[in-house]
Amino acid sequence: MAEIEREAMEYDVVIVGAGPAGLSAAIRLKQLDADLNVVVLEKGSEVGAHILSGAVLDPCGLDALIPDWKEKGAPLNVPVEEDNFYMLGEAGQIRIPNFPMPPLMNNHGNYIVSMGNVCRWMAEQAEELGVEIFPGMACSELVYGENGEVKGVVAGVFGLEADGSYGPNTEPGMELHGKYVFLSEGVRGSLSKEVIAKYDLSAGKEVQKYGVGMKEIWEIDPAKHKEGTVTHTMGWPLGSNAGGGSFIYHLENNQVYVGFVVHLNYKNPHLYPYMEFQRFKHHPMVAELLKGGKRVAYGARAITEGGYQSMPKLVAPGVALLGCSAGMVNVPRIKGNHNAMLSGKAAAEAAYDAIKAERSGDELTTYETDVRDGPIGADLKKVRNVKPIWSKWGLTASLMLGGLDMWTNTLGFSLFGTVGHGKNDAESTEDASKHQPIDYPKPDGVLSFDRLTNVSFAATNHEESQPCHLRLTDPEIPVKVNLPKFDEPAQRYCPAGVYEMVEDDGEPRFVINFQNCVHCKTCDIKDPSQNITWTTPQGGDGPNYPNM
């Protein structure tokens, strides 16, 4: 790559990703000093195009960043009016009363939102302050300085040859340099993954854990719609096969978000997370709600679940990890957007102080301290044991012991200390021979849908002549290792039908339909051989979520 000549642009702060963390950082920087040069680079075709969320927002992050957000017209229009928790069986459900729930599980004061629309609004606020925002600009490489610090990114590379090489029509992109670079790519971002590995930021931390979250937007019968209602379920159909659960949120215009999360530490490689989601919608309670309605959108995204003990070190020379790039999701609350906003604000304040002191390219240690000792750390530390207790001892133990631990942490102590996670999610996958295949009912096309039909409702698109952004370290592993040992689980864990095993003259062949990819990054996480690496495709490619 040394022969590639690129133009360079200089900024005070370069921010990768126009999600809630990156936009919060940009806004706060310009609030602190209107003369700072701040740029936000977004790989989606527009701000919000790649945003998928559980979509109940704790407004504490916005309160801290833009206290007058209501007056400024932030799209937080549906306050939570009712909280429901259910344990499902195949034919019925048991309501879990609210009163035993720890106070932190209360959604009073929160809002059901489209995070895509919230980010679009935040981008408007940032641009009014003078922030430069460039959508459709994927950041494909980091730029390092003479002393090993991160000094910028390469963005806007287009027209690569199918094999990834530079051809006569390739636009080499440009380098954007900053005194500091903020990575707010979301879960398992490719640049964040590189930084974590290069600077060994996970040393001494627990492994990161993940789930795959799938969501549909439905328009339902107005008679069944209850705006402001939040429902969470556990139990069926997953049972003992995997951890996870569902969410159903009633927003505006007779629409509901119907979502399903499967923890990716499941053992049985025959498990098919997407089909568990589709089966869930046939539960009598859910089927009755959706009867007569129609699905209008679909999406999927990995979720960080490791919590407090899995957060890597957040800073390295010249660079900081924000929001879900570092894993700031409160798992039992299924919320991370508020912490993403608070992290952006904290990183901005640390960078402002450093730039004011004429520093650059060093470690923003005050950001690290602010996150771990401030409101983000307090939020995550209280719930740090819920996920590992669930993983080690199951759902019932998680409800009882995890609930007890959240209560005692509310009072300032824990009976369990800090529970470790053990294996990462790829290592958790066991040989197919140890497990029975699971017989999933065929989607009926009314409540449940095949993957490829649903992917069309994600409006995902990738230029077919570009290089495949899903890269195999060893192209032979899917057929020679994963197929005989694990029944090649990529066929099932991908919620977009990217991976197939087909037969050519009686011999199996692994096929990657990268055009279907919705950028969930589950493959990068769950592949038992850790043979798949997700890299950023050309800018603008990927899903185009309307109001997810």
Protein backbone atom coordinates (compact mmCIF):
# COMPACT_ATOMS: atom_id res chain seq x y z
CA MET A 1 0.00 0.00 0.00
CA ALA A 2 3.03 2.30 0.28
CA GLU A 3 2.77 3.25 -3.38
CA ILE A 4 -0.78 4.54 -2.98
CA GLU A 5 -0.81 8.33 -2.84
CA ARG A 6 -3.66 9.97 -1.02
CA GLU A 7 -4.61 13.48 -0.13
CA ALA A 8 -4.76 14.20 3.59
CA MET A 9 -7.06 16.48 5.55
CA GLU A 10 -6.24 17.68 9.05
CA TYR A 11 -8.78 17.89 11.90
CA ASP A 12 -8.66 18.25 15.62
CA VAL A 13 -10.80 15.15 16.16
CA VAL A 14 -11.77 12.46 13.66
CA ILE A 15 -14.83 10.40 14.65
CA VAL A 16 -15.66 7.07 12.99
CA GLY A 17 -19.37 6.29 13.15
CA ALA A 18 -22.45 8.53 13.31
CA GLY A 19 -24.23 6.59 16.03
CA PRO A 20 -25.25 8.01 19.40
CA ALA A 21 -21.68 7.85 20.78
CA GLY A 22 -19.94 9.50 17.85
CA LEU A 23 -22.55 12.21 17.40
CA SER A 24 -22.56 12.97 21.13
CA ALA A 25 -18.79 13.39 21.03
CA ALA A 26 -19.03 15.71 18.04
CA ILE A 27 -21.74 17.84 19.62
CA ARG A 28 -19.91 18.13 22.93
CA LEU A 29 -16.63 19.12 21.27
CA LYS A 30 -18.31 21.98 19.42
CA GLN A 31 -20.20 23.01 22.56
CA LEU A 32 -16.87 23.32 24.35
CA ASP A 33 -15.05 25.12 21.54
CA ALA A 34 -16.81 26.25 18.37
CA ASP A 35 -13.43 26.63 16.63
CA LEU A 36 -12.46 22.97 16.89
CA ASN A 37 -12.41 21.14 13.54
CA VAL A 38 -14.47 17.98 13.98
CA VAL A 39 -15.44 15.42 11.33
CA VAL A 40 -17.76 12.41 11.59
CA LEU A 41 -17.42 9.61 9.03
CA GLU A 42 -20.40 7.30 8.56
CA LYS A 43 -20.32 4.13 6.45
CA GLY A 44 -24.09 4.07 5.94
CA SER A 45 -25.72 5.78 2.98
CA GLU A 46 -27.16 8.30 5.42
CA VAL A 47 -27.01 8.86 9.16
CA GLY A 48 -29.27 6.25 10.76
CA ALA A 49 -29.19 3.81 7.83
CA HIS A 50 -27.25 1.21 9.84
CA ILE A 51 -28.79 1.91 13.26
CA LEU A 52 -30.64 -1.01 14.85
CA SER A 53 -31.59 -0.91 18.52
CA GLY A 54 -33.89 -2.27 21.18
CA ALA A 55 -35.34 1.22 21.04
CA VAL A 56 -36.29 2.02 24.63
CA LEU A 57 -34.13 5.02 25.42
CA ASP A 58 -33.10 6.19 28.86
CA PRO A 59 -32.85 9.96 28.24
CA CYS A 60 -30.11 10.54 30.83
CA GLY A 61 -27.52 10.78 28.07
CA LEU A 62 -29.50 13.40 26.18
CA ASP A 63 -30.24 15.22 29.43
CA ALA A 64 -26.50 15.58 30.03
CA LEU A 65 -25.66 16.51 26.44
CA ILE A 66 -28.58 18.67 25.28
CA PRO A 67 -30.71 19.56 28.32
CA ASP A 68 -33.30 21.36 26.17
CA TRP A 69 -33.77 18.44 23.77
CA LYS A 70 -37.56 18.63 24.11
CA GLU A 71 -37.63 22.24 23.00
CA LYS A 72 -35.29 21.39 20.14
CA GLY A 73 -37.71 18.76 18.82
CA ALA A 74 -35.90 15.51 19.60
CA PRO A 75 -37.99 12.58 18.32
CA LEU A 76 -38.76 11.14 21.75
CA ASN A 77 -42.52 11.07 21.35
CA VAL A 78 -43.70 7.93 23.13
CA PRO A 79 -43.05 7.74 26.89
CA VAL A 80 -43.23 4.29 28.42
CA GLU A 81 -46.62 3.88 30.07
CA GLU A 82 -46.65 0.19 30.97
CA ASP A 83 -43.97 -2.42 31.75
CA ASN A 84 -44.69 -6.15 31.35
CA PHE A 85 -42.49 -9.17 32.03
CA TYR A 86 -43.55 -12.70 31.04
CA MET A 87 -42.15 -16.19 31.31
CA LEU A 88 -43.37 -18.12 28.25
CA GLY A 89 -44.27 -21.75 27.84
CA GLU A 90 -45.22 -23.22 24.49
CA ALA A 91 -48.93 -22.71 25.02
CA GLY A 92 -49.17 -19.99 27.65
CA GLN A 93 -47.39 -17.45 29.79
CA ILE A 94 -46.92 -16.34 33.39
CA ARG A 95 -46.77 -12.65 34.22
CA ILE A 96 -43.84 -11.77 36.46
CA PRO A 97 -44.99 -8.98 38.77
CA ASN A 98 -43.10 -5.71 38.67
CA PHE A 99 -42.70 -5.16 42.41
CA PRO A 100 -39.82 -7.67 42.96
CA MET A 101 -37.85 -6.10 40.12
CA PRO A 102 -34.82 -4.00 41.11
CA PRO A 103 -35.47 -0.27 40.61
CA LEU A 104 -33.01 -0.10 37.72
CA MET A 105 -35.34 -2.34 35.69
CA ASN A 106 -38.13 0.23 35.83
CA ASN A 107 -38.75 1.91 32.47
CA HIS A 108 -40.67 4.84 33.93
CA GLY A 109 -39.27 8.02 32.41
CA ASN A 110 -37.89 6.22 29.33
CA TYR A 111 -39.08 6.54 25.74
CA ILE A 112 -39.85 4.14 22.90
CA VAL A 113 -37.95 5.59 19.96
CA SER A 114 -36.50 4.95 16.55
CA MET A 115 -32.78 5.28 17.24
CA GLY A 116 -32.26 5.86 13.53
CA ASN A 117 -34.46 8.95 13.77
CA VAL A 118 -32.80 10.04 17.03
CA CYS A 119 -29.41 9.87 15.31
CA ARG A 120 -30.71 11.80 12.30
CA TRP A 121 -31.89 14.52 14.68
CA MET A 122 -28.57 14.48 16.55
CA ALA A 123 -26.75 14.87 13.24
CA GLU A 124 -28.80 17.99 12.56
CA GLN A 125 -27.79 19.41 15.94
CA ALA A 126 -24.14 18.61 15.21
CA GLU A 127 -24.19 20.22 11.79
CA GLU A 128 -25.79 23.35 13.19
CA LEU A 129 -22.76 23.61 15.48
CA GLY A 130 -20.38 23.26 12.55
CA VAL A 131 -19.53 19.56 12.63
CA GLU A 132 -18.70 18.07 9.23
CA ILE A 133 -20.58 14.79 8.66
CA PHE A 134 -19.77 12.61 5.67
CA PRO A 135 -22.15 9.65 5.12
CA GLY A 136 -21.24 6.92 2.65
CA MET A 137 -17.60 7.17 3.78
CA ALA A 138 -16.47 3.80 5.09
CA CYS A 139 -13.20 3.85 7.03
CA SER A 140 -11.17 0.90 5.81
CA GLU A 141 -7.77 1.47 7.43
CA LEU A 142 -6.10 3.15 10.37
CA VAL A 143 -3.20 5.53 9.83
CA TYR A 144 -0.36 5.29 12.35
CA GLY A 145 2.14 7.98 13.26
CA GLU A 146 5.90 7.74 13.66
CA ASN A 147 5.63 6.80 17.33
CA GLY A 148 3.02 4.08 16.84
CA GLU A 149 0.07 6.29 17.72
CA VAL A 150 -3.19 6.32 15.77
CA LYS A 151 -3.20 9.56 13.83
CA GLY A 152 -6.07 9.07 11.41
CA VAL A 153 -8.08 6.84 9.10
CA VAL A 154 -8.37 6.06 5.41
CA ALA A 155 -11.89 6.71 4.12
CA GLY A 156 -13.70 6.69 0.80
CA VAL A 157 -11.96 3.88 -1.06
CA PHE A 158 -14.15 2.86 -4.00
CA GLY A 159 -13.85 0.70 -7.09
CA LEU A 160 -11.48 -2.00 -5.87
CA GLU A 161 -11.04 -5.00 -8.11
CA ALA A 162 -12.91 -8.18 -7.15
CA ASP A 163 -9.73 -9.61 -5.60
CA GLY A 164 -9.23 -6.51 -3.45
CA SER A 165 -6.45 -5.02 -5.53
CA TYR A 166 -6.27 -1.50 -6.90
CA GLY A 167 -7.28 -1.18 -10.53
CA PRO A 168 -7.52 1.61 -13.11
CA ASN A 169 -10.93 2.73 -11.83
CA THR A 170 -10.11 2.59 -8.12
CA GLU A 171 -10.57 5.75 -6.09
CA PRO A 172 -7.89 5.45 -3.39
CA GLY A 173 -9.79 7.54 -0.85
CA MET A 174 -8.13 10.02 1.43
CA GLU A 175 -6.50 10.18 4.81
CA LEU A 176 -8.17 12.15 7.57
CA HIS A 177 -5.77 12.99 10.36
CA GLY A 178 -6.68 14.14 13.85
CA LYS A 179 -5.01 15.02 17.08
CA TYR A 180 -7.28 12.26 18.38
CA VAL A 181 -9.38 9.58 16.69
CA PHE A 182 -12.61 8.32 18.24
CA LEU A 183 -13.89 4.89 17.19
CA SER A 184 -17.65 4.68 17.62
CA GLU A 185 -18.29 1.90 15.11
CA GLY A 186 -20.74 -0.07 17.23
CA VAL A 187 -20.39 -3.75 18.07
CA ARG A 188 -17.29 -5.58 16.79
CA GLY A 189 -16.12 -2.73 14.60
CA SER A 190 -13.24 -3.71 12.34
CA LEU A 191 -11.00 -0.77 13.30
CA SER A 192 -11.82 -1.17 16.99
CA LYS A 193 -10.97 -4.86 16.75
CA GLU A 194 -7.59 -3.92 15.24
CA VAL A 195 -6.86 -1.36 17.96
CA ILE A 196 -7.83 -3.75 20.76
CA ALA A 197 -5.49 -6.40 19.35
CA LYS A 198 -2.58 -4.08 18.46
CA TYR A 199 -2.42 -2.42 21.88
CA ASP A 200 -3.58 -5.52 23.84
CA LEU A 201 -6.40 -3.52 25.39
CA SER A 202 -8.22 -6.65 26.63
CA ALA A 203 -5.30 -7.76 28.80
CA GLY A 204 -6.55 -8.59 32.28
CA LYS A 205 -10.21 -8.31 31.24
CA GLU A 206 -12.87 -10.97 30.83
CA VAL A 207 -13.66 -12.12 27.28
CA GLN A 208 -16.32 -10.10 25.52
CA LYS A 209 -19.69 -11.83 25.15
CA TYR A 210 -22.36 -11.23 22.53
CA GLY A 211 -25.91 -11.87 21.47
CA VAL A 212 -27.58 -11.59 18.09
CA GLY A 213 -30.63 -9.34 18.09
CA MET A 214 -33.24 -9.55 15.33
CA LYS A 215 -36.09 -7.09 14.94
CA GLU A 216 -39.14 -6.57 12.79
CA ILE A 217 -41.44 -3.56 12.63
CA TRP A 218 -45.11 -4.51 12.39
CA GLU A 219 -48.17 -2.43 11.69
CA ILE A 220 -50.95 -4.00 13.75
CA ASP A 221 -54.70 -3.72 14.23
CA PRO A 222 -55.37 -0.36 15.95
CA ALA A 223 -57.68 -2.14 18.40
CA LYS A 224 -54.69 -4.11 19.72
CA HIS A 225 -52.23 -1.25 19.77
CA LYS A 226 -51.32 0.20 23.17
CA GLU A 227 -48.91 3.07 22.63
CA GLY A 228 -46.21 3.20 25.28
CA THR A 229 -46.41 -0.48 26.28
CA VAL A 230 -43.15 -2.36 26.82
CA THR A 231 -43.15 -6.16 27.05
CA HIS A 232 -40.20 -8.48 27.66
CA THR A 233 -40.33 -12.28 27.65
CA MET A 234 -38.03 -15.16 28.54
CA GLY A 235 -38.29 -18.93 28.23
CA TRP A 236 -39.98 -20.52 25.21
CA PRO A 237 -38.95 -21.20 22.50
CA LEU A 238 -35.29 -21.22 23.59
CA GLY A 239 -35.68 -23.25 26.77
CA SER A 240 -32.36 -24.79 27.78
CA ASN A 241 -30.93 -24.55 24.25
CA ALA A 242 -29.77 -20.97 24.63
CA GLY A 243 -30.11 -17.83 26.69
CA GLY A 244 -32.09 -14.90 25.38
CA GLY A 245 -35.56 -13.43 25.18
CA SER A 246 -37.83 -11.04 23.37
CA PHE A 247 -39.05 -7.46 23.40
CA ILE A 248 -42.27 -6.00 22.06
CA TYR A 249 -42.57 -2.20 22.11
CA HIS A 250 -45.66 -0.27 21.03
CA LEU A 251 -44.61 2.97 19.37
CA GLU A 252 -46.57 5.47 17.27
CA ASN A 253 -48.88 4.96 14.28
CA ASN A 254 -50.09 1.48 15.30
CA GLN A 255 -46.58 0.11 14.95
CA VAL A 256 -44.74 -2.30 17.22
CA TYR A 257 -41.12 -3.38 17.40
CA VAL A 258 -40.97 -7.17 17.70
CA GLY A 259 -37.47 -8.29 18.63
CA PHE A 260 -35.67 -11.41 19.71
CA VAL A 261 -32.19 -11.84 21.22
CA VAL A 262 -30.21 -15.09 21.32
CA HIS A 263 -27.04 -15.21 23.40
CA LEU A 264 -24.21 -16.44 21.19
CA ASN A 265 -22.63 -18.70 23.80
CA TYR A 266 -25.02 -21.52 22.89
CA LYS A 267 -23.45 -25.00 22.63
CA ASN A 268 -25.61 -26.76 20.04
CA PRO A 269 -24.37 -25.87 16.53
CA HIS A 270 -27.73 -27.03 15.13
CA LEU A 271 -29.42 -24.05 16.81
CA TYR A 272 -30.88 -21.62 14.31
CA PRO A 273 -31.37 -18.21 15.98
CA TYR A 274 -33.39 -16.72 13.13
CA MET A 275 -35.85 -19.63 13.18
CA GLU A 276 -36.16 -19.37 16.97
CA PHE A 277 -37.29 -15.78 16.37
CA GLN A 278 -39.80 -16.85 13.74
CA ARG A 279 -41.11 -19.64 15.97
CA PHE A 280 -41.52 -17.17 18.85
CA LYS A 281 -44.11 -15.20 16.86
CA HIS A 282 -46.38 -18.26 16.83
CA HIS A 283 -46.75 -18.18 20.61
CA PRO A 284 -50.48 -17.58 21.27
CA MET A 285 -49.88 -14.25 23.05
CA VAL A 286 -47.71 -12.90 20.25
CA ALA A 287 -49.71 -14.41 17.39
CA GLU A 288 -52.88 -12.79 18.69
CA LEU A 289 -51.19 -9.39 18.83
CA LEU A 290 -49.86 -9.66 15.27
CA LYS A 291 -52.96 -11.26 13.71
CA GLY A 292 -54.23 -9.04 10.91
CA GLY A 293 -51.04 -6.96 10.90
CA LYS A 294 -48.14 -6.80 8.48
CA ARG A 295 -44.38 -6.76 8.80
CA VAL A 296 -42.85 -3.64 7.26
CA ALA A 297 -39.13 -3.88 8.12
CA TYR A 298 -36.48 -6.34 9.33
CA GLY A 299 -32.95 -6.04 10.66
CA ALA A 300 -30.33 -7.80 12.77
CA ARG A 301 -27.30 -6.77 14.77
CA ALA A 302 -24.90 -8.29 17.29
CA ILE A 303 -25.14 -6.95 20.85
CA THR A 304 -22.30 -6.72 23.38
CA GLU A 305 -23.19 -8.61 26.55
CA GLY A 306 -19.94 -8.92 28.49
CA GLY A 307 -20.63 -5.85 30.57
CA TYR A 308 -18.39 -4.14 33.09
CA GLN A 309 -15.77 -6.87 33.45
CA SER A 310 -15.37 -7.30 29.67
CA MET A 311 -14.80 -3.68 28.73
CA PRO A 312 -11.28 -3.39 27.32
CA LYS A 313 -8.98 -0.54 28.16
CA LEU A 314 -10.66 2.36 26.39
CA VAL A 315 -7.66 4.36 25.23
CA ALA A 316 -4.41 3.88 23.35
CA PRO A 317 -2.07 6.50 21.90
CA GLY A 318 -4.19 8.85 19.80
CA VAL A 319 -7.38 6.79 19.94
CA ALA A 320 -10.40 6.14 22.17
CA LEU A 321 -13.16 3.51 22.03
CA LEU A 322 -16.68 4.83 22.50
CA GLY A 323 -20.03 3.18 23.24
CA CYS A 324 -20.60 -0.30 21.87
CA SER A 325 -17.11 -0.37 20.37
CA ALA A 326 -16.09 -0.98 23.98
CA GLY A 327 -19.23 -2.88 25.08
CA MET A 328 -21.27 -0.51 27.26
CA VAL A 329 -24.64 -2.31 27.08
CA ASN A 330 -26.60 -2.88 30.28
CA VAL A 331 -27.73 -6.43 29.46
CA PRO A 332 -30.76 -6.93 31.75
CA ARG A 333 -32.10 -3.52 30.74
CA ILE A 334 -31.31 -4.16 27.02
CA LYS A 335 -30.03 -0.59 26.88
CA GLY A 336 -26.77 0.90 25.73
CA ASN A 337 -27.64 4.09 23.90
CA HIS A 338 -27.62 6.21 27.05
CA ASN A 339 -24.14 4.98 27.93
CA ALA A 340 -23.00 5.52 24.36
CA MET A 341 -24.05 9.17 24.60
CA LEU A 342 -22.38 9.60 27.97
CA SER A 343 -19.17 8.03 26.65
CA GLY A 344 -19.13 10.41 23.69
CA LYS A 345 -19.55 13.35 26.01
CA ALA A 346 -16.77 12.11 28.31
CA ALA A 347 -14.35 11.46 25.44
CA ALA A 348 -15.04 14.91 24.02
CA GLU A 349 -14.29 16.58 27.32
CA ALA A 350 -11.04 14.65 27.69
CA ALA A 351 -9.95 15.54 24.15
CA TYR A 352 -10.89 19.20 24.62
CA ASP A 353 -8.74 19.44 27.75
CA ALA A 354 -5.85 17.73 25.96
CA ILE A 355 -6.02 19.94 22.87
CA LYS A 356 -6.30 23.04 25.05
CA ALA A 357 -3.09 21.88 26.75
CA GLU A 358 -1.50 21.51 23.29
CA ARG A 359 -1.31 17.73 23.53
CA SER A 360 -2.04 15.24 20.75
CA GLY A 361 -1.58 11.55 20.00
CA ASP A 362 -1.33 10.48 23.63
CA GLU A 363 -3.69 8.46 25.82
CA LEU A 364 -6.82 10.24 27.06
CA THR A 365 -6.58 8.71 30.52
CA THR A 366 -9.17 11.06 32.00
CA TYR A 367 -11.74 9.54 29.61
CA GLU A 368 -10.94 6.07 30.91
CA THR A 369 -11.32 7.27 34.50
CA ASP A 370 -14.56 9.09 33.76
CA VAL A 371 -16.16 6.00 32.21
CA ARG A 372 -15.13 3.52 34.89
CA ASP A 373 -15.70 5.76 37.91
CA GLY A 374 -18.62 7.81 36.59
CA PRO A 375 -22.26 7.11 35.69
CA ILE A 376 -21.42 4.54 32.99
CA GLY A 377 -19.37 2.43 35.36
CA ALA A 378 -22.03 2.75 38.07
CA ASP A 379 -24.72 1.61 35.62
CA LEU A 380 -22.78 -1.40 34.38
CA LYS A 381 -21.24 -2.51 37.66
CA LYS A 382 -24.65 -3.06 39.26
CA VAL A 383 -25.63 -5.64 36.64
CA ARG A 384 -22.22 -7.20 35.92
CA ASN A 385 -23.14 -10.66 37.24
CA VAL A 386 -26.50 -11.20 35.55
CA LYS A 387 -25.11 -12.50 32.24
CA PRO A 388 -22.38 -14.80 33.65
CA ILE A 389 -24.81 -16.27 36.22
CA TRP A 390 -27.28 -16.98 33.38
CA SER A 391 -24.54 -18.54 31.25
CA LYS A 392 -23.18 -20.74 34.05
CA TRP A 393 -26.35 -21.80 35.87
CA GLY A 394 -29.30 -21.10 33.59
CA LEU A 395 -32.36 -18.87 33.38
CA THR A 396 -33.92 -19.73 36.75
CA ALA A 397 -30.68 -19.01 38.60
CA SER A 398 -30.30 -15.79 36.69
CA LEU A 399 -33.78 -14.65 37.68
CA MET A 400 -33.26 -15.47 41.34
CA LEU A 401 -29.53 -14.96 41.97
CA GLY A 402 -29.09 -12.30 39.32
CA GLY A 403 -32.09 -10.43 40.62
CA LEU A 404 -30.78 -10.68 44.18
CA ASP A 405 -27.37 -9.44 43.04
CA MET A 406 -28.93 -6.43 41.31
CA TRP A 407 -30.83 -5.60 44.49
CA THR A 408 -27.75 -5.84 46.69
CA ASN A 409 -25.69 -3.83 44.20
CA THR A 410 -28.36 -1.15 44.41
CA LEU A 411 -27.54 -1.06 48.12
CA GLY A 412 -23.82 -0.87 47.41
CA PHE A 413 -22.49 -4.44 47.73
CA SER A 414 -22.51 -7.82 46.01
CA LEU A 415 -22.70 -11.31 47.48
CA PHE A 416 -20.91 -12.73 44.45
CA GLY A 417 -18.11 -10.26 43.85
CA THR A 418 -17.50 -10.26 40.10
CA VAL A 419 -18.36 -13.49 38.26
CA GLY A 420 -16.23 -14.40 35.24
CA HIS A 421 -17.54 -15.36 31.80
CA GLY A 422 -15.21 -18.25 30.96
CA LYS A 423 -15.07 -19.19 27.26
CA ASN A 424 -15.71 -16.82 24.42
CA ASP A 425 -18.75 -17.47 22.24
CA ALA A 426 -16.85 -19.24 19.45
CA GLU A 427 -15.24 -21.63 21.94
CA SER A 428 -18.64 -22.37 23.48
CA THR A 429 -19.77 -24.19 20.33
CA GLU A 430 -19.62 -27.96 20.80
CA ASP A 431 -19.29 -30.77 18.26
CA ALA A 432 -22.48 -31.47 16.34
CA SER A 433 -22.23 -35.14 17.33
CA LYS A 434 -22.99 -34.19 20.94
CA HIS A 435 -26.36 -32.62 20.05
CA GLN A 436 -29.55 -33.52 18.29
CA PRO A 437 -30.64 -31.52 15.25
CA ILE A 438 -33.60 -29.21 15.89
CA ASP A 439 -36.68 -29.57 13.69
CA TYR A 440 -38.00 -26.09 12.93
CA PRO A 441 -41.46 -25.58 11.44
CA LYS A 442 -41.60 -24.08 7.96
CA PRO A 443 -42.45 -20.35 7.97
CA ASP A 444 -46.08 -19.75 7.06
CA GLY A 445 -45.57 -16.45 5.21
CA VAL A 446 -48.08 -14.74 7.50
CA LEU A 447 -46.48 -14.56 10.94
CA SER A 448 -43.14 -16.15 10.10
CA PHE A 449 -40.94 -15.68 7.04
CA ASP A 450 -37.93 -17.26 5.38
CA ARG A 451 -34.65 -15.39 5.75
CA LEU A 452 -34.26 -14.18 2.20
CA THR A 453 -37.76 -12.74 2.11
CA ASN A 454 -37.12 -10.92 5.38
CA VAL A 455 -33.72 -9.66 4.24
CA SER A 456 -35.47 -7.85 1.40
CA PHE A 457 -37.20 -5.80 4.12
CA ALA A 458 -33.79 -4.65 5.37
CA ALA A 459 -33.20 -2.93 2.00
CA THR A 460 -29.61 -4.10 2.09
CA ASN A 461 -27.46 -3.60 -0.97
CA HIS A 462 -23.85 -4.26 -1.92
CA GLU A 463 -22.22 -3.56 -5.26
CA GLU A 464 -21.64 -7.07 -6.61
CA SER A 465 -18.35 -6.25 -8.37
CA GLN A 466 -16.62 -5.16 -5.17
CA PRO A 467 -14.46 -7.56 -3.12
CA CYS A 468 -16.26 -9.76 -0.65
CA HIS A 469 -16.01 -8.03 2.72
CA LEU A 470 -16.40 -11.35 4.59
CA ARG A 471 -12.92 -12.83 4.48
CA LEU A 472 -11.86 -16.39 5.20
CA THR A 473 -8.45 -16.90 6.79
CA ASP A 474 -8.40 -20.40 5.30
CA PRO A 475 -10.94 -21.10 2.51
CA GLU A 476 -10.76 -24.85 3.19
CA ILE A 477 -11.87 -24.73 6.83
CA PRO A 478 -15.65 -24.50 6.18
CA VAL A 479 -15.68 -27.80 4.25
CA LYS A 480 -12.79 -29.66 5.87
CA VAL A 481 -13.30 -28.65 9.53
CA ASN A 482 -16.58 -26.86 10.23
CA LEU A 483 -18.80 -29.14 8.15
CA PRO A 484 -17.74 -32.51 9.60
CA LYS A 485 -17.22 -31.24 13.13
CA PHE A 486 -19.94 -28.60 13.59
CA ASP A 487 -22.31 -29.21 10.62
CA GLU A 488 -21.06 -25.77 9.43
CA PRO A 489 -23.14 -23.53 11.74
CA ALA A 490 -22.64 -20.47 9.51
CA GLN A 491 -25.61 -21.83 7.55
CA ARG A 492 -27.75 -21.14 10.62
CA TYR A 493 -26.23 -18.47 12.86
CA CYS A 494 -26.27 -15.82 10.12
CA PRO A 495 -29.64 -13.98 10.27
CA ALA A 496 -29.36 -12.88 6.63
CA GLY A 497 -28.67 -16.15 4.77
CA VAL A 498 -25.20 -15.07 3.70
CA TYR A 499 -23.60 -18.51 4.06
CA GLU A 500 -24.61 -21.70 2.25
CA MET A 501 -23.28 -25.21 1.73
CA VAL A 502 -24.07 -26.36 -1.81
CA GLU A 503 -23.11 -29.48 -3.73
CA ASP A 504 -21.01 -29.48 -6.88
CA ASP A 505 -20.85 -32.93 -8.49
CA GLY A 506 -21.63 -34.46 -5.12
CA GLU A 507 -18.97 -32.45 -3.27
CA PRO A 508 -19.82 -29.76 -0.70
CA ARG A 509 -18.85 -26.18 -1.47
CA PHE A 510 -19.06 -23.14 0.84
CA VAL A 511 -20.77 -20.11 -0.71
CA ILE A 512 -20.74 -16.54 0.64
CA ASN A 513 -23.65 -14.40 -0.58
CA PHE A 514 -22.16 -11.17 0.73
CA GLN A 515 -24.83 -9.09 -1.02
CA ASN A 516 -27.28 -10.23 1.68
CA CYS A 517 -25.13 -9.02 4.59
CA VAL A 518 -26.86 -6.71 7.09
CA HIS A 519 -23.59 -6.02 8.94
CA CYS A 520 -24.63 -7.84 12.12
CA LYS A 521 -21.09 -9.34 12.48
CA THR A 522 -22.39 -12.54 14.07
CA CYS A 523 -20.10 -14.58 11.81
CA ASP A 524 -17.02 -12.73 13.05
CA ILE A 525 -18.04 -13.67 16.59
CA LYS A 526 -19.59 -17.15 16.47
CA ASP A 527 -17.61 -19.03 13.82
CA PRO A 528 -16.13 -21.89 15.91
CA SER A 529 -12.85 -21.85 13.95
CA GLN A 530 -12.63 -18.03 14.08
CA ASN A 531 -12.03 -18.20 10.34
CA ILE A 532 -14.33 -15.35 9.22
CA THR A 533 -13.36 -11.70 9.49
CA TRP A 534 -15.93 -8.98 8.83
CA THR A 535 -14.41 -5.96 7.12
CA THR A 536 -16.10 -2.75 6.07
CA PRO A 537 -17.45 -2.77 2.51
CA GLN A 538 -17.60 0.28 0.28
CA GLY A 539 -19.27 3.31 1.86
CA GLY A 540 -23.03 3.44 1.65
CA ASP A 541 -23.42 -0.31 1.12
CA GLY A 542 -25.33 -2.42 3.58
CA PRO A 543 -28.80 -2.12 5.12
CA ASN A 544 -30.94 0.98 4.78
CA TYR A 545 -33.16 0.82 7.83
CA PRO A 546 -36.03 3.31 7.69
CA ASN A 547 -37.09 3.71 11.34
CA MET A 548 -35.38 0.84 13.15
